[in-house]
Amino acid sequence: MPEPAPGEIEWPANPALDEVREWIRRSAPGRMLAGAPVVYRCAPWGLTARFAASGNAIFFKATAHYFAAEIPATRLMNRHFPSASPRLIATREEPGRRWMLMEDYQGRLLSEAKTPEPYLAAVRTLAQVHAYFASALDEVPPTIPRLPATQVPGLLDELIPYVERWYASEWRASERLRHDLLDLVKANAHRLPAWAREVSALPNSLDHGDLHSGNVAVRRDGSVVLFDWSDVTVGCPFFSMDFLLSSITQTLGAMEGARLSAEYLDALAGWADRDELDRLYMLALCLGPVRSAYTYKIIEEGSDCRGRFHATVGWWLQRAVTRWGQLG
C-alpha cells in the first residue's frame, strides 16, 4: 500500500497544532504563517510538516528521543557547511520532546532527478563533508554517537535473534526475499569481523545513516542540501553511499551507480591509493547494510512497534548477502 502523499496526512493530536503554531510565532517573530501546514510524515518516531510563511516557507520537525543526534548534527552542518544543510531557526529540547524549525531548503528532491548530474553533485558535496570531518573529529559533539566499523559485526549478532523472533514468519511468506536469507546471514556472520578490521583503516567521519534520494535536495544553482540527520553517527563514511547507490541504480541503471562511486572516491583519493580505496569501499558496502538494518531495530524497540519493518530489514540484509556472495 503506497504511503499517503504530502497534504493527505492529517495533523496528529500530539503535538497540538496550536502549541506548535505558538512556538513558531515566538521562535520566528515577524514570520506570518499562512494556511494549514502540509504534513509530510506522521509516525510514532516523528512528525515533519511545512508551514507557508512570509519570506520563505518553514519546516517543522518533531522527533523521538532515540533521534537525539539530529539537532546537534544539523547545528554542526550549519556551522561548517551552511549551504549544504537546512538553516536552523530554533530548537526545543525537553524530556520526550525534540523540535526543530528550519528554513525551506528551496530545492528539488534528488528523487525527482532524471539525469545523473544531480547525483554526482550530491556525492561531491558528501565527499567534502566526509573529508572535512575526517580531519576535524574534535569538532563533533559527543551527543553524536560513535559507531566505528569494528562494532558492526556485533550489531549483526544482536540483530539475528531479533529477526528470528519478529521477522522469520514474514520472511518465509515473502515473495521478494530469498527463502534461505536468514540461513545465509547466519552462515556468513563470522566473516564480518575481518572485513571490519580492514575497513577501520579508513578515517572515521560523519556517516549520515539514511542518505536516500528523498533526504537530498538540489537547488537551481546546483548546490546540494543534505538533511534528516536523525541516524547520524561517527563511523565509516563509506556507509553513507549505500542508499544513494540504490537510488541511482534503480532510476538510471548500474553503470551510473559505478560512475557515482567513482566520483565519490576520486574526491577522497588522498586517503589511500586507488586500488586499495576501491577494495575498502567494497568491504564497507558489505558492512553498511547491517548498520542500516540495525537502525530499524532501534526504531521498533523505541516506538514499541516490533516487526513493523520486517520487509525493510529483509531488503537491507538481502543486499548484504548479495555483496557477500560477490566476495566469494
C-alpha atoms as a PDB file:
ATOM      1  CA  MET A   1       0.000   0.000   0.000  1.00  0.00           C
ATOM      2  CA  PRO A   2       1.615   3.333  -1.010  1.00  0.00           C
ATOM      3  CA  GLU A   3       2.258   5.964   1.629  1.00  0.00           C
ATOM      4  CA  PRO A   4      -0.113   8.951   1.576  1.00  0.00           C
ATOM      5  CA  ALA A   5       1.170  11.962  -0.303  1.00  0.00           C
ATOM      6  CA  PRO A   6       2.014  15.258   1.428  1.00  0.00           C
ATOM      7  CA  GLY A   7      -1.236  17.095   2.052  1.00  0.00           C
ATOM      8  CA  GLU A   8      -3.184  13.853   2.546  1.00  0.00           C
ATOM      9  CA  ILE A   9      -1.879  13.301   6.103  1.00  0.00           C
ATOM     10  CA  GLU A  10      -3.794  14.852   8.973  1.00  0.00           C
ATOM     11  CA  TRP A  11      -2.075  16.689  11.791  1.00  0.00           C
ATOM     12  CA  PRO A  12      -1.912  14.406  14.861  1.00  0.00           C
ATOM     13  CA  ALA A  13      -3.311  15.127  18.316  1.00  0.00           C
ATOM     14  CA  ASN A  14       0.204  15.296  19.748  1.00  0.00           C
ATOM     15  CA  PRO A  15       1.884  17.704  19.417  1.00  0.00           C
ATOM     16  CA  ALA A  16      -1.093  20.046  19.333  1.00  0.00           C
ATOM     17  CA  LEU A  17      -1.121  22.241  16.236  1.00  0.00           C
ATOM     18  CA  ASP A  18      -1.966  25.375  18.244  1.00  0.00           C
ATOM     19  CA  GLU A  19       1.034  24.772  20.502  1.00  0.00           C
ATOM     20  CA  VAL A  20       3.337  24.352  17.518  1.00  0.00           C
ATOM     21  CA  ARG A  21       1.982  27.487  15.842  1.00  0.00           C
ATOM     22  CA  GLU A  22       2.570  29.477  19.023  1.00  0.00           C
ATOM     23  CA  TRP A  23       6.135  28.165  19.305  1.00  0.00           C
ATOM     24  CA  ILE A  24       6.806  29.140  15.686  1.00  0.00           C
ATOM     25  CA  ARG A  25       5.455  32.653  16.322  1.00  0.00           C
ATOM     26  CA  ARG A  26       7.763  33.057  19.326  1.00  0.00           C
ATOM     27  CA  SER A  27      10.754  31.494  17.583  1.00  0.00           C
ATOM     28  CA  ALA A  28      10.403  33.327  14.274  1.00  0.00           C
ATOM     29  CA  PRO A  29       8.960  36.754  15.097  1.00  0.00           C
ATOM     30  CA  GLY A  30       7.776  38.644  12.065  1.00  0.00           C
ATOM     31  CA  ARG A  31       7.160  35.490  10.045  1.00  0.00           C
ATOM     32  CA  MET A  32       3.444  35.369   9.341  1.00  0.00           C
ATOM     33  CA  LEU A  33       2.042  31.853   8.881  1.00  0.00           C
ATOM     34  CA  ALA A  34      -0.481  31.322   6.097  1.00  0.00           C
ATOM     35  CA  GLY A  35      -2.961  28.494   5.756  1.00  0.00           C
ATOM     36  CA  ALA A  36      -2.829  24.944   7.027  1.00  0.00           C
ATOM     37  CA  PRO A  37       0.507  23.095   7.262  1.00  0.00           C
ATOM     38  CA  VAL A  38       1.327  20.320   4.820  1.00  0.00           C
ATOM     39  CA  VAL A  39       2.240  17.171   6.747  1.00  0.00           C
ATOM     40  CA  TYR A  40       4.943  15.111   5.034  1.00  0.00           C
ATOM     41  CA  ARG A  41       5.303  12.396   7.648  1.00  0.00           C
ATOM     42  CA  CYS A  42       3.448  11.410  10.777  1.00  0.00           C
ATOM     43  CA  ALA A  43       4.666   8.289  12.579  1.00  0.00           C
ATOM     44  CA  PRO A  44       5.439   7.135  16.119  1.00  0.00           C
ATOM     45  CA  TRP A  45       9.056   8.240  15.635  1.00  0.00           C
ATOM     46  CA  GLY A  46       8.397  11.709  14.257  1.00  0.00           C
ATOM     47  CA  LEU A  47       6.403  14.393  12.501  1.00  0.00           C
ATOM     48  CA  THR A  48       7.545  16.576   9.594  1.00  0.00           C
ATOM     49  CA  ALA A  49       5.433  19.439   8.234  1.00  0.00           C
ATOM     50  CA  ARG A  50       5.827  22.526   6.084  1.00  0.00           C
ATOM     51  CA  PHE A  51       4.251  25.850   7.010  1.00  0.00           C
ATOM     52  CA  ALA A  52       3.765  28.540   4.392  1.00  0.00           C
ATOM     53  CA  ALA A  53       5.144  31.769   5.844  1.00  0.00           C
ATOM     54  CA  SER A  54       6.116  35.257   4.826  1.00  0.00           C
ATOM     55  CA  GLY A  55       9.569  35.442   3.330  1.00  0.00           C
ATOM     56  CA  ASN A  56      10.072  31.710   2.963  1.00  0.00           C
ATOM     57  CA  ALA A  57       8.349  28.512   3.989  1.00  0.00           C
ATOM     58  CA  ILE A  58       9.305  26.897   7.293  1.00  0.00           C
ATOM     59  CA  PHE A  59       9.770  23.221   8.078  1.00  0.00           C
ATOM     60  CA  PHE A  60       8.790  21.888  11.495  1.00  0.00           C
ATOM     61  CA  LYS A  61      10.104  18.552  12.707  1.00  0.00           C
ATOM     62  CA  ALA A  62       9.420  16.660  15.923  1.00  0.00           C
ATOM     63  CA  THR A  63      11.498  13.541  16.578  1.00  0.00           C
ATOM     64  CA  ALA A  64      11.618  10.679  19.062  1.00  0.00           C
ATOM     65  CA  HIS A  65      14.151  10.502  21.885  1.00  0.00           C
ATOM     66  CA  TYR A  66      16.330   7.970  20.037  1.00  0.00           C
ATOM     67  CA  PHE A  67      16.980  10.519  17.287  1.00  0.00           C
ATOM     68  CA  ALA A  68      18.720  12.876  19.701  1.00  0.00           C
ATOM     69  CA  ALA A  69      21.702  13.351  17.373  1.00  0.00           C
ATOM     70  CA  GLU A  70      19.780  15.156  14.632  1.00  0.00           C
ATOM     71  CA  ILE A  71      19.754  18.572  16.270  1.00  0.00           C
ATOM     72  CA  PRO A  72      23.489  18.684  17.127  1.00  0.00           C
ATOM     73  CA  ALA A  73      24.362  17.262  13.699  1.00  0.00           C
ATOM     74  CA  THR A  74      22.277  19.895  11.924  1.00  0.00           C
ATOM     75  CA  ARG A  75      23.880  22.615  14.049  1.00  0.00           C
ATOM     76  CA  LEU A  76      27.289  21.213  13.146  1.00  0.00           C
ATOM     77  CA  MET A  77      26.442  21.250   9.445  1.00  0.00           C
ATOM     78  CA  ASN A  78      25.080  24.792   9.717  1.00  0.00           C
ATOM     79  CA  ARG A  79      28.382  25.889  11.213  1.00  0.00           C
ATOM     80  CA  HIS A  80      30.707  24.233   8.716  1.00  0.00           C
ATOM     81  CA  PHE A  81      28.554  23.626   5.622  1.00  0.00           C
ATOM     82  CA  PRO A  82      25.782  26.234   5.800  1.00  0.00           C
ATOM     83  CA  SER A  83      24.894  25.989   2.108  1.00  0.00           C
ATOM     84  CA  ALA A  84      24.653  22.195   2.303  1.00  0.00           C
ATOM     85  CA  SER A  85      22.228  21.986   5.229  1.00  0.00           C
ATOM     86  CA  PRO A  86      18.807  23.411   6.094  1.00  0.00           C
ATOM     87  CA  ARG A  87      19.226  26.513   8.252  1.00  0.00           C
ATOM     88  CA  LEU A  88      18.040  26.015  11.798  1.00  0.00           C
ATOM     89  CA  ILE A  89      15.762  28.766  13.071  1.00  0.00           C
ATOM     90  CA  ALA A  90      15.063  27.320  16.507  1.00  0.00           C
ATOM     91  CA  THR A  91      15.144  24.107  18.515  1.00  0.00           C
ATOM     92  CA  ARG A  92      13.332  22.864  21.593  1.00  0.00           C
ATOM     93  CA  GLU A  93      14.853  20.025  23.596  1.00  0.00           C
ATOM     94  CA  GLU A  94      12.987  18.761  26.636  1.00  0.00           C
ATOM     95  CA  PRO A  95      12.366  15.278  28.076  1.00  0.00           C
ATOM     96  CA  GLY A  96      10.278  13.452  25.499  1.00  0.00           C
ATOM     97  CA  ARG A  97      10.291  16.402  23.103  1.00  0.00           C
ATOM     98  CA  ARG A  98      12.726  17.386  20.387  1.00  0.00           C
ATOM     99  CA  TRP A  99      11.512  20.036  17.969  1.00  0.00           C
ATOM    100  CA  MET A 100      13.314  21.704  15.106  1.00  0.00           C
ATOM    101  CA  LEU A 101      12.345  24.697  12.997  1.00  0.00           C
ATOM    102  CA  MET A 102      14.185  25.090   9.696  1.00  0.00           C
ATOM    103  CA  GLU A 103      14.081  27.304   6.652  1.00  0.00           C
ATOM    104  CA  ASP A 104      12.766  25.663   3.498  1.00  0.00           C
ATOM    105  CA  TYR A 105      15.763  24.398   1.501  1.00  0.00           C
ATOM    106  CA  GLN A 106      14.190  25.728  -1.746  1.00  0.00           C
ATOM    107  CA  GLY A 107      15.276  22.904  -3.986  1.00  0.00           C
ATOM    108  CA  ARG A 108      14.009  19.815  -5.744  1.00  0.00           C
ATOM    109  CA  LEU A 109      14.446  16.433  -4.148  1.00  0.00           C
ATOM    110  CA  LEU A 110      17.112  14.239  -5.668  1.00  0.00           C
ATOM    111  CA  SER A 111      14.450  11.532  -6.046  1.00  0.00           C
ATOM    112  CA  GLU A 112      12.950  13.659  -8.835  1.00  0.00           C
ATOM    113  CA  ALA A 113      16.191  13.696 -10.849  1.00  0.00           C
ATOM    114  CA  LYS A 114      16.115  12.012 -14.251  1.00  0.00           C
ATOM    115  CA  THR A 115      19.776  12.595 -15.114  1.00  0.00           C
ATOM    116  CA  PRO A 116      22.996  11.650 -13.267  1.00  0.00           C
ATOM    117  CA  GLU A 117      24.286  15.212 -12.770  1.00  0.00           C
ATOM    118  CA  PRO A 118      22.328  15.974  -9.561  1.00  0.00           C
ATOM    119  CA  TYR A 119      23.513  12.676  -8.069  1.00  0.00           C
ATOM    120  CA  LEU A 120      27.106  13.496  -8.955  1.00  0.00           C
ATOM    121  CA  ALA A 121      26.744  16.914  -7.347  1.00  0.00           C
ATOM    122  CA  ALA A 122      25.342  15.230  -4.233  1.00  0.00           C
ATOM    123  CA  VAL A 123      28.263  12.831  -3.798  1.00  0.00           C
ATOM    124  CA  ARG A 124      30.788  15.603  -4.402  1.00  0.00           C
ATOM    125  CA  THR A 125      29.194  17.535  -1.550  1.00  0.00           C
ATOM    126  CA  LEU A 126      29.079  14.391   0.588  1.00  0.00           C
ATOM    127  CA  ALA A 127      32.774  13.769  -0.061  1.00  0.00           C
ATOM    128  CA  GLN A 128      33.590  17.343   1.011  1.00  0.00           C
ATOM    129  CA  VAL A 129      31.710  16.784   4.269  1.00  0.00           C
ATOM    130  CA  HIS A 130      33.470  13.472   4.850  1.00  0.00           C
ATOM    131  CA  ALA A 131      36.918  14.852   4.080  1.00  0.00           C
ATOM    132  CA  TYR A 132      36.446  17.817   6.395  1.00  0.00           C
ATOM    133  CA  PHE A 133      35.178  15.952   9.440  1.00  0.00           C
ATOM    134  CA  ALA A 134      37.702  13.127   8.984  1.00  0.00           C
ATOM    135  CA  SER A 135      40.329  15.692   9.941  1.00  0.00           C
ATOM    136  CA  ALA A 136      38.162  17.572  12.452  1.00  0.00           C
ATOM    137  CA  LEU A 137      36.515  14.925  14.620  1.00  0.00           C
ATOM    138  CA  ASP A 138      37.279  17.009  17.703  1.00  0.00           C
ATOM    139  CA  GLU A 139      34.588  19.411  16.477  1.00  0.00           C
ATOM    140  CA  VAL A 140      31.903  16.700  16.502  1.00  0.00           C
ATOM    141  CA  PRO A 141      29.984  16.845  19.813  1.00  0.00           C
ATOM    142  CA  PRO A 142      29.733  13.723  21.995  1.00  0.00           C
ATOM    143  CA  THR A 143      25.942  13.768  21.551  1.00  0.00           C
ATOM    144  CA  ILE A 144      26.556  12.264  18.096  1.00  0.00           C
ATOM    145  CA  PRO A 145      27.104   8.516  18.707  1.00  0.00           C
ATOM    146  CA  ARG A 146      30.372   6.816  17.802  1.00  0.00           C
ATOM    147  CA  LEU A 147      29.927   3.664  15.715  1.00  0.00           C
ATOM    148  CA  PRO A 148      33.262   2.519  14.265  1.00  0.00           C
ATOM    149  CA  ALA A 149      33.244  -0.234  11.658  1.00  0.00           C
ATOM    150  CA  THR A 150      34.566  -2.735  14.183  1.00  0.00           C
ATOM    151  CA  GLN A 151      31.249  -2.549  16.059  1.00  0.00           C
ATOM    152  CA  VAL A 152      29.146  -3.581  13.052  1.00  0.00           C
ATOM    153  CA  PRO A 153      29.655  -7.359  13.478  1.00  0.00           C
ATOM    154  CA  GLY A 154      28.268  -7.024  16.995  1.00  0.00           C
ATOM    155  CA  LEU A 155      25.181  -5.312  15.599  1.00  0.00           C
ATOM    156  CA  LEU A 156      24.554  -8.342  13.402  1.00  0.00           C
ATOM    157  CA  ASP A 157      24.968 -10.634  16.383  1.00  0.00           C
ATOM    158  CA  GLU A 158      22.196  -8.677  18.120  1.00  0.00           C
ATOM    159  CA  LEU A 159      20.045  -8.496  15.020  1.00  0.00           C
ATOM    160  CA  ILE A 160      19.945 -12.223  14.204  1.00  0.00           C
ATOM    161  CA  PRO A 161      17.918 -13.342  17.263  1.00  0.00           C
ATOM    162  CA  TYR A 162      15.677 -10.294  16.842  1.00  0.00           C
ATOM    163  CA  VAL A 163      14.989 -11.306  13.245  1.00  0.00           C
ATOM    164  CA  GLU A 164      14.290 -14.885  14.312  1.00  0.00           C
ATOM    165  CA  ARG A 165      11.709 -13.718  16.826  1.00  0.00           C
ATOM    166  CA  TRP A 166       9.959 -10.914  14.973  1.00  0.00           C
ATOM    167  CA  TYR A 167      10.504 -11.372  11.226  1.00  0.00           C
ATOM    168  CA  ALA A 168      11.035 -15.035  10.426  1.00  0.00           C
ATOM    169  CA  SER A 169       7.439 -15.915   9.526  1.00  0.00           C
ATOM    170  CA  GLU A 170       7.032 -12.810   7.334  1.00  0.00           C
ATOM    171  CA  TRP A 171      10.295 -13.533   5.562  1.00  0.00           C
ATOM    172  CA  ARG A 172       9.256 -17.103   4.825  1.00  0.00           C
ATOM    173  CA  ALA A 173       5.999 -15.852   3.285  1.00  0.00           C
ATOM    174  CA  SER A 174       7.655 -13.060   1.286  1.00  0.00           C
ATOM    175  CA  GLU A 175       7.875 -13.281  -2.495  1.00  0.00           C
ATOM    176  CA  ARG A 176      10.600 -10.620  -2.576  1.00  0.00           C
ATOM    177  CA  LEU A 177      13.094 -12.226  -0.206  1.00  0.00           C
ATOM    178  CA  ARG A 178      15.026 -15.400  -0.850  1.00  0.00           C
ATOM    179  CA  HIS A 179      13.734 -18.260   1.274  1.00  0.00           C
ATOM    180  CA  ASP A 180      17.173 -19.009   2.744  1.00  0.00           C
ATOM    181  CA  LEU A 181      18.032 -15.406   3.634  1.00  0.00           C
ATOM    182  CA  LEU A 182      18.250 -15.900   7.385  1.00  0.00           C
ATOM    183  CA  ASP A 183      20.345 -19.053   6.971  1.00  0.00           C
ATOM    184  CA  LEU A 184      22.766 -17.173   4.702  1.00  0.00           C
ATOM    185  CA  VAL A 185      23.043 -14.293   7.148  1.00  0.00           C
ATOM    186  CA  LYS A 186      23.904 -16.715   9.946  1.00  0.00           C
ATOM    187  CA  ALA A 187      26.353 -18.703   7.802  1.00  0.00           C
ATOM    188  CA  ASN A 188      28.308 -15.590   6.808  1.00  0.00           C
ATOM    189  CA  ALA A 189      28.267 -13.657  10.071  1.00  0.00           C
ATOM    190  CA  HIS A 190      31.726 -14.960  11.015  1.00  0.00           C
ATOM    191  CA  ARG A 191      33.257 -13.160   8.008  1.00  0.00           C
ATOM    192  CA  LEU A 192      32.341  -9.658   9.152  1.00  0.00           C
ATOM    193  CA  PRO A 193      34.937  -9.085  11.918  1.00  0.00           C
ATOM    194  CA  ALA A 194      37.856  -9.451   9.494  1.00  0.00           C
ATOM    195  CA  TRP A 195      36.256  -7.084   6.988  1.00  0.00           C
ATOM    196  CA  ALA A 196      35.501  -4.600   9.752  1.00  0.00           C
ATOM    197  CA  ARG A 197      39.121  -4.594  10.931  1.00  0.00           C
ATOM    198  CA  GLU A 198      40.280  -3.771   7.416  1.00  0.00           C
ATOM    199  CA  VAL A 199      37.687  -1.054   6.900  1.00  0.00           C
ATOM    200  CA  SER A 200      38.703   0.521  10.213  1.00  0.00           C
ATOM    201  CA  ALA A 201      41.925   1.625   8.477  1.00  0.00           C
ATOM    202  CA  LEU A 202      39.821   4.336   6.818  1.00  0.00           C
ATOM    203  CA  PRO A 203      39.369   7.674   8.597  1.00  0.00           C
ATOM    204  CA  ASN A 204      36.174   7.985  10.590  1.00  0.00           C
ATOM    205  CA  SER A 205      33.847  10.837   9.720  1.00  0.00           C
ATOM    206  CA  LEU A 206      30.144  11.689   9.817  1.00  0.00           C
ATOM    207  CA  ASP A 207      28.053   8.814   8.496  1.00  0.00           C
ATOM    208  CA  HIS A 208      24.628  10.219   7.623  1.00  0.00           C
ATOM    209  CA  GLY A 209      22.883   6.893   8.171  1.00  0.00           C
ATOM    210  CA  ASP A 210      19.848   7.431   5.934  1.00  0.00           C
ATOM    211  CA  LEU A 211      21.050   9.258   2.830  1.00  0.00           C
ATOM    212  CA  HIS A 212      18.453   8.180   0.297  1.00  0.00           C
ATOM    213  CA  SER A 213      17.387  10.424  -2.570  1.00  0.00           C
ATOM    214  CA  GLY A 214      14.483  11.794  -0.528  1.00  0.00           C
ATOM    215  CA  ASN A 215      16.906  13.274   2.012  1.00  0.00           C
ATOM    216  CA  VAL A 216      18.896  15.262  -0.547  1.00  0.00           C
ATOM    217  CA  ALA A 217      17.767  18.381  -2.385  1.00  0.00           C
ATOM    218  CA  VAL A 218      19.366  20.197  -5.308  1.00  0.00           C
ATOM    219  CA  ARG A 219      18.786  23.906  -5.810  1.00  0.00           C
ATOM    220  CA  ARG A 220      18.551  25.679  -9.153  1.00  0.00           C
ATOM    221  CA  ASP A 221      22.135  26.893  -8.843  1.00  0.00           C
ATOM    222  CA  GLY A 222      23.296  23.271  -8.483  1.00  0.00           C
ATOM    223  CA  SER A 223      24.114  23.455  -4.779  1.00  0.00           C
ATOM    224  CA  VAL A 224      23.147  20.455  -2.683  1.00  0.00           C
ATOM    225  CA  VAL A 225      21.352  20.215   0.669  1.00  0.00           C
ATOM    226  CA  LEU A 226      21.798  17.134   2.872  1.00  0.00           C
ATOM    227  CA  PHE A 227      19.136  16.848   5.551  1.00  0.00           C
ATOM    228  CA  ASP A 228      17.437  14.486   8.019  1.00  0.00           C
ATOM    229  CA  TRP A 229      20.496  13.631  10.111  1.00  0.00           C
ATOM    230  CA  SER A 230      18.452  11.605  12.605  1.00  0.00           C
ATOM    231  CA  ASP A 231      20.518   8.405  12.114  1.00  0.00           C
ATOM    232  CA  VAL A 232      23.932  10.082  12.062  1.00  0.00           C
ATOM    233  CA  THR A 233      26.963   8.511  13.734  1.00  0.00           C
ATOM    234  CA  VAL A 234      30.703   8.977  13.681  1.00  0.00           C
ATOM    235  CA  GLY A 235      31.911   5.942  11.797  1.00  0.00           C
ATOM    236  CA  CYS A 236      32.839   4.691   8.361  1.00  0.00           C
ATOM    237  CA  PRO A 237      31.869   7.440   5.910  1.00  0.00           C
ATOM    238  CA  PHE A 238      31.554   4.989   3.026  1.00  0.00           C
ATOM    239  CA  PHE A 239      28.373   3.613   4.597  1.00  0.00           C
ATOM    240  CA  SER A 240      26.597   6.835   3.609  1.00  0.00           C
ATOM    241  CA  MET A 241      26.906   5.956  -0.073  1.00  0.00           C
ATOM    242  CA  ASP A 242      24.811   2.796   0.025  1.00  0.00           C
ATOM    243  CA  PHE A 243      21.323   4.279  -0.193  1.00  0.00           C
ATOM    244  CA  LEU A 244      22.335   6.721  -2.936  1.00  0.00           C
ATOM    245  CA  LEU A 245      23.771   3.823  -4.938  1.00  0.00           C
ATOM    246  CA  SER A 246      20.462   2.014  -4.668  1.00  0.00           C
ATOM    247  CA  SER A 247      18.546   5.131  -5.733  1.00  0.00           C
ATOM    248  CA  ILE A 248      20.596   5.905  -8.828  1.00  0.00           C
ATOM    249  CA  THR A 249      20.825   2.253  -9.875  1.00  0.00           C
ATOM    250  CA  GLN A 250      17.067   1.831  -9.706  1.00  0.00           C
ATOM    251  CA  THR A 251      16.468   5.109 -11.551  1.00  0.00           C
ATOM    252  CA  LEU A 252      19.292   5.278 -14.090  1.00  0.00           C
ATOM    253  CA  GLY A 253      20.976   1.854 -14.133  1.00  0.00           C
ATOM    254  CA  ALA A 254      24.016   0.059 -12.736  1.00  0.00           C
ATOM    255  CA  MET A 255      26.519   1.905 -14.938  1.00  0.00           C
ATOM    256  CA  GLU A 256      25.528   5.203 -13.368  1.00  0.00           C
ATOM    257  CA  GLY A 257      25.919   3.596  -9.948  1.00  0.00           C
ATOM    258  CA  ALA A 258      29.522   2.745 -10.818  1.00  0.00           C
ATOM    259  CA  ARG A 259      30.054   6.295 -12.059  1.00  0.00           C
ATOM    260  CA  LEU A 260      28.644   7.665  -8.804  1.00  0.00           C
ATOM    261  CA  SER A 261      31.054   5.553  -6.759  1.00  0.00           C
ATOM    262  CA  ALA A 262      33.998   6.650  -8.906  1.00  0.00           C
ATOM    263  CA  GLU A 263      33.066  10.332  -8.497  1.00  0.00           C
ATOM    264  CA  TYR A 264      32.912   9.950  -4.734  1.00  0.00           C
ATOM    265  CA  LEU A 265      36.175   8.015  -4.423  1.00  0.00           C
ATOM    266  CA  ASP A 266      38.006  10.403  -6.756  1.00  0.00           C
ATOM    267  CA  ALA A 267      37.243  13.179  -4.275  1.00  0.00           C
ATOM    268  CA  LEU A 268      38.829  11.158  -1.448  1.00  0.00           C
ATOM    269  CA  ALA A 269      41.882   9.948  -3.348  1.00  0.00           C
ATOM    270  CA  GLY A 270      44.221  11.146  -0.615  1.00  0.00           C
ATOM    271  CA  TRP A 271      43.003   8.505   1.831  1.00  0.00           C
ATOM    272  CA  ALA A 272      44.719   5.563   0.077  1.00  0.00           C
ATOM    273  CA  ASP A 273      45.962   4.502  -3.342  1.00  0.00           C
ATOM    274  CA  ARG A 274      43.052   3.906  -5.678  1.00  0.00           C
ATOM    275  CA  ASP A 275      43.164   0.109  -5.783  1.00  0.00           C
ATOM    276  CA  GLU A 276      43.169  -0.054  -2.002  1.00  0.00           C
ATOM    277  CA  LEU A 277      40.421   2.565  -1.777  1.00  0.00           C
ATOM    278  CA  ASP A 278      38.264   0.549  -4.168  1.00  0.00           C
ATOM    279  CA  ARG A 279      38.839  -2.605  -2.120  1.00  0.00           C
ATOM    280  CA  LEU A 280      37.980  -0.960   1.191  1.00  0.00           C
ATOM    281  CA  TYR A 281      34.930   0.664  -0.390  1.00  0.00           C
ATOM    282  CA  MET A 282      33.605  -2.745  -1.444  1.00  0.00           C
ATOM    283  CA  LEU A 283      34.229  -4.167   2.033  1.00  0.00           C
ATOM    284  CA  ALA A 284      32.464  -1.155   3.569  1.00  0.00           C
ATOM    285  CA  LEU A 285      29.465  -1.783   1.314  1.00  0.00           C
ATOM    286  CA  CYS A 286      29.364  -5.324   2.696  1.00  0.00           C
ATOM    287  CA  LEU A 287      29.073  -3.944   6.224  1.00  0.00           C
ATOM    288  CA  GLY A 288      26.899  -0.891   5.602  1.00  0.00           C
ATOM    289  CA  PRO A 289      23.585  -2.734   5.082  1.00  0.00           C
ATOM    290  CA  VAL A 290      23.958  -4.314   8.526  1.00  0.00           C
ATOM    291  CA  ARG A 291      24.350  -0.878  10.085  1.00  0.00           C
ATOM    292  CA  SER A 292      21.256   0.313   8.186  1.00  0.00           C
ATOM    293  CA  ALA A 293      19.188  -2.753   9.098  1.00  0.00           C
ATOM    294  CA  TYR A 294      20.038  -2.361  12.776  1.00  0.00           C
ATOM    295  CA  THR A 295      18.646   1.185  12.754  1.00  0.00           C
ATOM    296  CA  TYR A 296      15.158  -0.238  12.282  1.00  0.00           C
ATOM    297  CA  LYS A 297      15.560  -2.425  15.356  1.00  0.00           C
ATOM    298  CA  ILE A 298      16.252   0.765  17.315  1.00  0.00           C
ATOM    299  CA  ILE A 299      13.142   2.422  15.889  1.00  0.00           C
ATOM    300  CA  GLU A 300      10.921  -0.595  16.503  1.00  0.00           C
ATOM    301  CA  GLU A 301      12.028  -1.025  20.091  1.00  0.00           C
ATOM    302  CA  GLY A 302      11.887   2.700  20.823  1.00  0.00           C
ATOM    303  CA  SER A 303       8.392   3.043  19.351  1.00  0.00           C
ATOM    304  CA  ASP A 304       7.061  -0.316  20.576  1.00  0.00           C
ATOM    305  CA  CYS A 305       6.263  -1.469  17.044  1.00  0.00           C
ATOM    306  CA  ARG A 306       8.350  -4.634  16.779  1.00  0.00           C
ATOM    307  CA  GLY A 307       8.063  -6.390  13.437  1.00  0.00           C
ATOM    308  CA  ARG A 308       6.882  -3.320  11.559  1.00  0.00           C
ATOM    309  CA  PHE A 309       9.946  -3.051   9.328  1.00  0.00           C
ATOM    310  CA  HIS A 310      10.407  -6.737   8.520  1.00  0.00           C
ATOM    311  CA  ALA A 311      10.391  -6.021   4.772  1.00  0.00           C
ATOM    312  CA  THR A 312      12.882  -3.141   5.043  1.00  0.00           C
ATOM    313  CA  VAL A 313      15.303  -5.081   7.233  1.00  0.00           C
ATOM    314  CA  GLY A 314      14.973  -8.027   4.854  1.00  0.00           C
ATOM    315  CA  TRP A 315      15.784  -5.783   1.890  1.00  0.00           C
ATOM    316  CA  TRP A 316      18.930  -4.490   3.593  1.00  0.00           C
ATOM    317  CA  LEU A 317      20.174  -7.904   4.650  1.00  0.00           C
ATOM    318  CA  GLN A 318      19.443  -9.392   1.249  1.00  0.00           C
ATOM    319  CA  ARG A 319      21.525  -6.575  -0.188  1.00  0.00           C
ATOM    320  CA  ALA A 320      24.311  -7.538   2.214  1.00  0.00           C
ATOM    321  CA  VAL A 321      24.108 -11.255   1.362  1.00  0.00           C
ATOM    322  CA  THR A 322      24.328 -10.470  -2.357  1.00  0.00           C
ATOM    323  CA  ARG A 323      27.536  -8.500  -1.792  1.00  0.00           C
ATOM    324  CA  TRP A 324      28.992 -11.158   0.480  1.00  0.00           C
ATOM    325  CA  GLY A 325      28.456 -13.649  -2.309  1.00  0.00           C
ATOM    326  CA  GLN A 326      30.317 -11.412  -4.735  1.00  0.00           C
ATOM    327  CA  LEU A 327      33.376 -11.619  -2.481  1.00  0.00           C
ATOM    328  CA  GLY A 328      33.325 -15.407  -2.768  1.00  0.00           C
END
